[in-house]
Each structure stands twice: as C-alpha cells, then as structure tokens.
Amino acid sequence: MNSVEDLVQTFINVWNERDPARRSQMVRSLWAPDGRHLMGAQDVRGHGALDERVATSHQRNVIEQGYTFRPATAIQSLPGVIKFRWDMARSESGEVISAGVGFLAINGEGRIACDYLFTEV
C-alpha cells in the first residue's frame, strides 16, 4: 500500500467488492497470513477465515440488504496503528444504518496484524 489512507480505503472497499476472486486477493494483500479480525462476537484469524468472514458480510449486507460500506473518514495514524471512522448506508438513499470506529494494528510489512471494529450506531 502507498499510504495510510490507501490502506484504510482498501480495507473498506474489500467489504463492498463483488468479485469473489478479487475480494480474496484483497484479503490476502491487506492482512498478514495470520491476521485477525475482531468485531462483536466475530473473532477470526488467517486468510481463509478472513476471506469467509468478508464474503459472508458482503452477501448479507451488500447483496441481500443493498447496503454500501462508505469511504472511511477521520483517519489518524501513529506508528503501527491506524484509527478511522466507518459507516454502512443504504445504497439508494444514503441513510446510515451502522457506523463506528476501526483500529488497524499494522505489522512491520505494512499489513494488518489485527483489525478491531466497533459499532456505535
């Protein structure tokens, strides 16, 4: 990734990606091989589990419900960690359905070691 902003926006975009092969490739480029994702009851680790988690969310939220994860805002970074705001909205009206804060722990290779997503709305 070229910048913190690029990494965060690609992270958001992976949840919207409609092409399964492209989505899987994005998972593998974003997260470290043993990368972890935590959100609510979700706690998954490794590319296979991450790929399944993103695909399941995509099917439920984007395909079935017609929602879109929108570009992150309020991106801030310190060495090894990135914080941002995210939201999910109805694709047609833009009405926000869910929103929150994300934290990405970044390894020495610039890939996600762990992401923490918190829902506030």
N, C-alpha and C. Protein backbone atom coordinates (compact mmCIF):
# COMPACT_ATOMS: atom_id res chain seq x y z
N MET A 1 0.84 -1.18 0.00
CA MET A 1 0.00 0.00 0.00
C MET A 1 0.89 1.24 0.00
N ASN A 2 0.42 2.28 -0.69
CA ASN A 2 1.22 3.50 -0.82
C ASN A 2 1.10 4.42 0.38
N SER A 3 -0.02 4.42 1.05
CA SER A 3 -0.19 5.34 2.16
C SER A 3 -1.18 4.77 3.16
N VAL A 4 -1.22 5.42 4.30
CA VAL A 4 -2.19 5.03 5.33
C VAL A 4 -3.61 5.15 4.76
N GLU A 5 -3.88 6.26 4.09
CA GLU A 5 -5.22 6.46 3.52
C GLU A 5 -5.56 5.36 2.52
N ASP A 6 -4.64 5.00 1.64
CA ASP A 6 -4.88 3.92 0.67
C ASP A 6 -5.21 2.61 1.37
N LEU A 7 -4.45 2.29 2.41
CA LEU A 7 -4.67 1.04 3.13
C LEU A 7 -6.06 1.03 3.76
N VAL A 8 -6.45 2.11 4.41
CA VAL A 8 -7.76 2.18 5.06
C VAL A 8 -8.88 2.12 4.03
N GLN A 9 -8.75 2.85 2.93
CA GLN A 9 -9.81 2.83 1.92
C GLN A 9 -9.91 1.46 1.26
N THR A 10 -8.79 0.78 1.06
CA THR A 10 -8.84 -0.58 0.51
C THR A 10 -9.49 -1.52 1.51
N PHE A 11 -9.21 -1.33 2.79
CA PHE A 11 -9.86 -2.12 3.84
C PHE A 11 -11.38 -1.95 3.75
N ILE A 12 -11.86 -0.74 3.62
CA ILE A 12 -13.31 -0.51 3.49
C ILE A 12 -13.83 -1.12 2.19
N ASN A 13 -13.11 -0.93 1.11
CA ASN A 13 -13.55 -1.42 -0.20
C ASN A 13 -13.66 -2.93 -0.27
N VAL A 14 -12.85 -3.66 0.49
CA VAL A 14 -12.90 -5.12 0.42
C VAL A 14 -14.29 -5.63 0.81
N TRP A 15 -14.97 -4.94 1.72
CA TRP A 15 -16.30 -5.38 2.17
C TRP A 15 -17.36 -5.15 1.09
N ASN A 16 -17.09 -4.25 0.13
CA ASN A 16 -18.01 -3.96 -0.97
C ASN A 16 -17.70 -4.76 -2.24
N GLU A 17 -16.52 -5.32 -2.35
CA GLU A 17 -16.05 -5.94 -3.59
C GLU A 17 -16.97 -7.10 -4.00
N ARG A 18 -17.50 -7.00 -5.21
CA ARG A 18 -18.46 -8.00 -5.71
C ARG A 18 -17.79 -9.23 -6.32
N ASP A 19 -16.59 -9.08 -6.85
CA ASP A 19 -15.92 -10.21 -7.49
C ASP A 19 -15.21 -11.07 -6.43
N PRO A 20 -15.64 -12.33 -6.26
CA PRO A 20 -15.06 -13.17 -5.20
C PRO A 20 -13.54 -13.35 -5.33
N ALA A 21 -13.04 -13.51 -6.54
CA ALA A 21 -11.60 -13.69 -6.72
C ALA A 21 -10.84 -12.42 -6.35
N ARG A 22 -11.35 -11.30 -6.78
CA ARG A 22 -10.73 -10.01 -6.45
C ARG A 22 -10.79 -9.77 -4.95
N ARG A 23 -11.95 -10.07 -4.34
CA ARG A 23 -12.10 -9.89 -2.90
C ARG A 23 -11.10 -10.75 -2.13
N SER A 24 -10.94 -11.99 -2.53
CA SER A 24 -9.99 -12.90 -1.89
C SER A 24 -8.56 -12.38 -2.02
N GLN A 25 -8.22 -11.87 -3.20
CA GLN A 25 -6.88 -11.31 -3.42
C GLN A 25 -6.68 -10.10 -2.52
N MET A 26 -7.71 -9.28 -2.36
CA MET A 26 -7.61 -8.10 -1.49
C MET A 26 -7.38 -8.52 -0.04
N VAL A 27 -8.10 -9.54 0.41
CA VAL A 27 -7.90 -10.06 1.78
C VAL A 27 -6.44 -10.44 1.97
N ARG A 28 -5.89 -11.17 1.02
CA ARG A 28 -4.51 -11.65 1.14
C ARG A 28 -3.48 -10.52 1.06
N SER A 29 -3.81 -9.44 0.38
CA SER A 29 -2.87 -8.33 0.31
C SER A 29 -3.00 -7.40 1.52
N LEU A 30 -4.17 -7.31 2.10
CA LEU A 30 -4.38 -6.43 3.25
C LEU A 30 -3.85 -7.01 4.55
N TRP A 31 -4.24 -8.26 4.85
CA TRP A 31 -3.92 -8.87 6.14
C TRP A 31 -2.67 -9.73 6.04
N ALA A 32 -1.93 -9.78 7.14
CA ALA A 32 -0.84 -10.74 7.28
C ALA A 32 -1.44 -12.14 7.24
N PRO A 33 -0.67 -13.18 6.88
CA PRO A 33 -1.21 -14.53 6.80
C PRO A 33 -1.92 -14.99 8.08
N ASP A 34 -1.45 -14.54 9.23
CA ASP A 34 -2.10 -14.91 10.49
C ASP A 34 -2.90 -13.73 11.05
N GLY A 35 -3.30 -12.81 10.17
CA GLY A 35 -4.05 -11.63 10.58
C GLY A 35 -5.36 -12.00 11.25
N ARG A 36 -5.83 -11.07 12.06
CA ARG A 36 -7.01 -11.32 12.89
C ARG A 36 -8.02 -10.19 12.71
N HIS A 37 -9.31 -10.54 12.83
CA HIS A 37 -10.41 -9.58 12.74
C HIS A 37 -11.30 -9.78 13.95
N LEU A 38 -11.59 -8.68 14.65
CA LEU A 38 -12.48 -8.73 15.81
C LEU A 38 -13.56 -7.67 15.66
N MET A 39 -14.82 -8.13 15.79
CA MET A 39 -15.97 -7.22 15.77
C MET A 39 -17.11 -7.94 16.46
N GLY A 40 -17.57 -7.39 17.56
CA GLY A 40 -18.64 -8.06 18.30
C GLY A 40 -18.23 -9.48 18.65
N ALA A 41 -19.06 -10.44 18.27
CA ALA A 41 -18.77 -11.85 18.54
C ALA A 41 -17.82 -12.45 17.52
N GLN A 42 -17.53 -11.71 16.45
CA GLN A 42 -16.63 -12.21 15.41
C GLN A 42 -15.18 -12.14 15.88
N ASP A 43 -14.48 -13.25 15.77
CA ASP A 43 -13.05 -13.31 16.09
C ASP A 43 -12.45 -14.35 15.15
N VAL A 44 -11.90 -13.89 14.04
CA VAL A 44 -11.37 -14.81 13.03
C VAL A 44 -9.90 -14.52 12.79
N ARG A 45 -9.17 -15.57 12.38
CA ARG A 45 -7.74 -15.44 12.17
C ARG A 45 -7.33 -16.24 10.94
N GLY A 46 -6.45 -15.66 10.15
CA GLY A 46 -5.91 -16.33 8.97
C GLY A 46 -6.68 -16.00 7.71
N HIS A 47 -5.98 -16.08 6.58
CA HIS A 47 -6.58 -15.68 5.30
C HIS A 47 -7.87 -16.42 4.98
N GLY A 48 -7.91 -17.73 5.20
CA GLY A 48 -9.12 -18.49 4.88
C GLY A 48 -10.32 -18.01 5.67
N ALA A 49 -10.16 -17.84 6.98
CA ALA A 49 -11.26 -17.39 7.84
C ALA A 49 -11.63 -15.94 7.54
N LEU A 50 -10.63 -15.10 7.26
CA LEU A 50 -10.89 -13.71 6.91
C LEU A 50 -11.66 -13.62 5.59
N ASP A 51 -11.27 -14.42 4.63
CA ASP A 51 -11.95 -14.45 3.33
C ASP A 51 -13.41 -14.84 3.53
N GLU A 52 -13.65 -15.85 4.33
CA GLU A 52 -15.03 -16.30 4.61
C GLU A 52 -15.82 -15.22 5.35
N ARG A 53 -15.21 -14.57 6.31
CA ARG A 53 -15.88 -13.51 7.08
C ARG A 53 -16.29 -12.36 6.17
N VAL A 54 -15.37 -11.90 5.33
CA VAL A 54 -15.67 -10.78 4.43
C VAL A 54 -16.75 -11.20 3.43
N ALA A 55 -16.65 -12.41 2.88
CA ALA A 55 -17.65 -12.89 1.91
C ALA A 55 -19.03 -12.99 2.54
N THR A 56 -19.11 -13.47 3.77
CA THR A 56 -20.40 -13.60 4.47
C THR A 56 -21.01 -12.22 4.72
N SER A 57 -20.18 -11.28 5.19
CA SER A 57 -20.66 -9.92 5.41
C SER A 57 -21.13 -9.29 4.10
N HIS A 58 -20.36 -9.49 3.05
CA HIS A 58 -20.72 -8.94 1.74
C HIS A 58 -22.08 -9.48 1.28
N GLN A 59 -22.25 -10.78 1.37
CA GLN A 59 -23.51 -11.40 0.95
C GLN A 59 -24.69 -10.83 1.73
N ARG A 60 -24.56 -10.80 3.04
CA ARG A 60 -25.65 -10.35 3.91
C ARG A 60 -25.93 -8.85 3.76
N ASN A 61 -24.88 -8.04 3.79
CA ASN A 61 -25.08 -6.59 3.82
C ASN A 61 -25.19 -5.93 2.46
N VAL A 62 -24.31 -6.30 1.54
CA VAL A 62 -24.28 -5.64 0.23
C VAL A 62 -25.28 -6.26 -0.74
N ILE A 63 -25.22 -7.58 -0.89
CA ILE A 63 -26.09 -8.26 -1.86
C ILE A 63 -27.54 -8.31 -1.38
N GLU A 64 -27.76 -8.85 -0.18
CA GLU A 64 -29.13 -9.07 0.29
C GLU A 64 -29.81 -7.80 0.79
N GLN A 65 -29.09 -6.92 1.48
CA GLN A 65 -29.71 -5.74 2.08
C GLN A 65 -29.54 -4.47 1.25
N GLY A 66 -28.63 -4.47 0.27
CA GLY A 66 -28.43 -3.29 -0.55
C GLY A 66 -27.68 -2.17 0.15
N TYR A 67 -26.82 -2.52 1.11
CA TYR A 67 -26.04 -1.53 1.82
C TYR A 67 -24.67 -1.37 1.16
N THR A 68 -24.01 -0.27 1.47
CA THR A 68 -22.67 0.01 0.98
C THR A 68 -21.82 0.50 2.14
N PHE A 69 -20.62 -0.03 2.26
CA PHE A 69 -19.65 0.49 3.21
C PHE A 69 -19.00 1.69 2.53
N ARG A 70 -19.09 2.83 3.17
CA ARG A 70 -18.61 4.07 2.55
C ARG A 70 -17.18 4.37 2.95
N PRO A 71 -16.49 5.20 2.15
CA PRO A 71 -15.10 5.51 2.45
C PRO A 71 -14.92 6.01 3.88
N ALA A 72 -13.82 5.59 4.48
CA ALA A 72 -13.52 5.96 5.85
C ALA A 72 -13.24 7.45 5.97
N THR A 73 -13.48 7.99 7.15
CA THR A 73 -13.19 9.39 7.44
C THR A 73 -12.39 9.47 8.73
N ALA A 74 -11.93 10.66 9.04
CA ALA A 74 -11.20 10.93 10.29
C ALA A 74 -10.06 9.94 10.50
N ILE A 75 -9.29 9.69 9.45
CA ILE A 75 -8.18 8.74 9.52
C ILE A 75 -7.02 9.38 10.27
N GLN A 76 -6.53 8.68 11.28
CA GLN A 76 -5.37 9.12 12.05
C GLN A 76 -4.44 7.94 12.21
N SER A 77 -3.14 8.22 12.28
CA SER A 77 -2.21 7.11 12.47
C SER A 77 -1.07 7.50 13.40
N LEU A 78 -0.57 6.50 14.06
CA LEU A 78 0.65 6.55 14.85
C LEU A 78 1.44 5.32 14.42
N PRO A 79 2.71 5.23 14.77
CA PRO A 79 3.47 4.06 14.34
C PRO A 79 2.79 2.75 14.75
N GLY A 80 2.46 1.95 13.76
CA GLY A 80 1.89 0.64 13.99
C GLY A 80 0.40 0.57 14.23
N VAL A 81 -0.30 1.71 14.20
CA VAL A 81 -1.75 1.69 14.43
C VAL A 81 -2.43 2.80 13.63
N ILE A 82 -3.64 2.47 13.16
CA ILE A 82 -4.44 3.42 12.39
C ILE A 82 -5.85 3.41 12.97
N LYS A 83 -6.43 4.59 13.13
CA LYS A 83 -7.81 4.75 13.61
C LYS A 83 -8.60 5.47 12.53
N PHE A 84 -9.87 5.09 12.38
CA PHE A 84 -10.73 5.73 11.39
C PHE A 84 -12.19 5.54 11.77
N ARG A 85 -13.04 6.32 11.13
CA ARG A 85 -14.49 6.17 11.26
C ARG A 85 -14.99 5.48 10.02
N TRP A 86 -15.99 4.63 10.18
CA TRP A 86 -16.58 3.92 9.07
C TRP A 86 -18.10 4.00 9.19
N ASP A 87 -18.78 3.82 8.06
CA ASP A 87 -20.23 3.65 8.13
C ASP A 87 -20.72 2.78 6.99
N MET A 88 -21.91 2.29 7.21
CA MET A 88 -22.61 1.45 6.23
C MET A 88 -23.96 2.12 6.00
N ALA A 89 -24.29 2.36 4.74
CA ALA A 89 -25.50 3.10 4.41
C ALA A 89 -26.31 2.38 3.35
N ARG A 90 -27.58 2.74 3.28
CA ARG A 90 -28.42 2.23 2.18
C ARG A 90 -27.85 2.79 0.88
N SER A 91 -27.65 1.92 -0.08
CA SER A 91 -27.04 2.35 -1.35
C SER A 91 -27.86 3.41 -2.05
N GLU A 92 -29.19 3.28 -2.02
CA GLU A 92 -30.03 4.21 -2.78
C GLU A 92 -30.24 5.55 -2.08
N SER A 93 -30.51 5.54 -0.78
CA SER A 93 -30.85 6.78 -0.08
C SER A 93 -29.68 7.42 0.66
N GLY A 94 -28.65 6.63 0.95
CA GLY A 94 -27.53 7.14 1.72
C GLY A 94 -27.78 7.15 3.22
N GLU A 95 -28.95 6.68 3.65
CA GLU A 95 -29.27 6.62 5.09
C GLU A 95 -28.28 5.70 5.80
N VAL A 96 -27.66 6.21 6.85
CA VAL A 96 -26.68 5.43 7.61
C VAL A 96 -27.42 4.38 8.45
N ILE A 97 -27.02 3.15 8.28
CA ILE A 97 -27.60 2.01 9.00
C ILE A 97 -26.73 1.64 10.19
N SER A 98 -25.44 1.75 10.03
CA SER A 98 -24.49 1.39 11.07
C SER A 98 -23.23 2.24 10.89
N ALA A 99 -22.60 2.57 12.00
CA ALA A 99 -21.38 3.37 11.95
C ALA A 99 -20.53 3.05 13.16
N GLY A 100 -19.25 3.35 13.04
CA GLY A 100 -18.39 3.09 14.17
C GLY A 100 -16.96 3.53 13.93
N VAL A 101 -16.09 2.94 14.74
CA VAL A 101 -14.67 3.25 14.71
C VAL A 101 -13.90 1.97 14.44
N GLY A 102 -12.85 2.10 13.65
CA GLY A 102 -11.97 0.97 13.39
C GLY A 102 -10.55 1.29 13.81
N PHE A 103 -9.87 0.26 14.29
CA PHE A 103 -8.45 0.35 14.61
C PHE A 103 -7.74 -0.76 13.88
N LEU A 104 -6.68 -0.43 13.19
CA LEU A 104 -5.87 -1.43 12.50
C LEU A 104 -4.50 -1.46 13.15
N ALA A 105 -4.10 -2.63 13.61
CA ALA A 105 -2.73 -2.82 14.09
C ALA A 105 -1.93 -3.31 12.89
N ILE A 106 -0.88 -2.59 12.53
CA ILE A 106 -0.12 -2.85 11.32
C ILE A 106 1.22 -3.48 11.68
N ASN A 107 1.58 -4.54 10.96
CA ASN A 107 2.87 -5.20 11.23
C ASN A 107 4.00 -4.48 10.49
N GLY A 108 5.21 -4.98 10.64
CA GLY A 108 6.38 -4.36 10.04
C GLY A 108 6.39 -4.38 8.53
N GLU A 109 5.56 -5.22 7.91
CA GLU A 109 5.46 -5.30 6.45
C GLU A 109 4.36 -4.39 5.90
N GLY A 110 3.69 -3.65 6.79
CA GLY A 110 2.63 -2.74 6.35
C GLY A 110 1.30 -3.43 6.13
N ARG A 111 1.14 -4.64 6.67
CA ARG A 111 -0.12 -5.38 6.52
C ARG A 111 -0.84 -5.42 7.86
N ILE A 112 -2.13 -5.69 7.81
CA ILE A 112 -2.94 -5.72 9.02
C ILE A 112 -2.62 -6.96 9.84
N ALA A 113 -2.16 -6.75 11.07
CA ALA A 113 -1.96 -7.85 12.01
C ALA A 113 -3.28 -8.15 12.71
N CYS A 114 -4.03 -7.09 13.03
CA CYS A 114 -5.34 -7.25 13.66
C CYS A 114 -6.17 -6.01 13.39
N ASP A 115 -7.44 -6.23 13.08
CA ASP A 115 -8.36 -5.10 12.97
C ASP A 115 -9.43 -5.26 14.04
N TYR A 116 -9.75 -4.12 14.63
CA TYR A 116 -10.79 -4.04 15.67
C TYR A 116 -11.84 -3.08 15.15
N LEU A 117 -13.08 -3.56 14.98
CA LEU A 117 -14.16 -2.70 14.52
C LEU A 117 -15.20 -2.58 15.61
N PHE A 118 -15.54 -1.34 15.94
CA PHE A 118 -16.52 -1.05 16.97
C PHE A 118 -17.72 -0.38 16.32
N THR A 119 -18.91 -0.85 16.67
CA THR A 119 -20.14 -0.26 16.16
C THR A 119 -20.69 0.71 17.21
N GLU A 120 -21.01 1.91 16.76
CA GLU A 120 -21.56 2.93 17.64
C GLU A 120 -23.02 3.22 17.34
N VAL A 121 -23.46 2.96 16.13
CA VAL A 121 -24.83 3.22 15.70
C VAL A 121 -25.40 1.93 15.15
